[in-house]
């Protein structure tokens, strides 16, 4: 931050207040800050028609009352167009309830005019820039993680301790053929969309949610194979596993991470392979082919592979 000039736009209808802020900025470090001034709400909104005008500023200072207009309304407009620059409101009235409300509307900070000093102004600008930089970095990392999350080939579903789905990735949607029309129904009525039948004991569970939440201890850390049956008729053979996640935060909530791998093609290949093996055994017996005759065995094997369309898969 010390290596470049910080460009500031101050929207204020009182020129005396502008001169005071300008003097404070010069007292902090001459040449470090460049201040531009706009005197009215209407003039500021007209500048949105100028390409790149607002983007060139690092910080926005906005008076709470710009003549008859509300500076918070202007701040909202700027925030809707520029997400990565701090907006600081300057007000003449120390209303703490109102100030807290400002911070919930995308405004970075506020200053009470008759309490401003060079040091408090510098500190507010510096902290707002640092905080905005951290928020932008965090947002970028979240977007990166979301991109990675959605490129993972396994279906992932995160369920909180209330049984609510909090996260679900694209692979999960693809496995169950969910789209923008059915996903809301899936979120709100999870147990009616899917039914689960475990291969190991042929048991037809009532609802997936019962399995995932009530009987979760049965397969935490131990993957099981099964078949999901969607109400739209789509079936998917899957490998299902679950991990418990405990966040040591203030809420101390537990989460269940459900991982699903689509093994439909693998199961089909296993069935075909079993059928092929059985067919080979039958034909070996029928034609009396001996293991000592590798050429005949190879010809028979190639014929069976072509028959089941497995060669090259």
Foldseek 3Di string as FASTA:
>chain_A
DQPAAAEEEEEAQDVVLVVVVVVLQCVVPNPRYDYDYDQAPVVVVVCVVPPCPVVVHQEYEYECCRDPDGRLVVVLVVCVVDVQHAYEYEYQDPDPVVQVVSVVRSHQHYYHSVPDHSVVVVVSRVVSNVVSVVVVVVVVVVVVVLVVQQPPLKWKWKAWLVRATDDTHPNVCVQLVHDPVCVVVCRVPVFQFKWKAFPPPRDTDNGPSCCCHVVVVVAAVNWTWIWIAGPVGDIFTWTKYWHKDFDPDPVRIIMIMIIIHGCRVVVVVVVLVVVLVVVLVVVCVVVVPDPVCVVVSVVSSVVSCVVSVNPPD
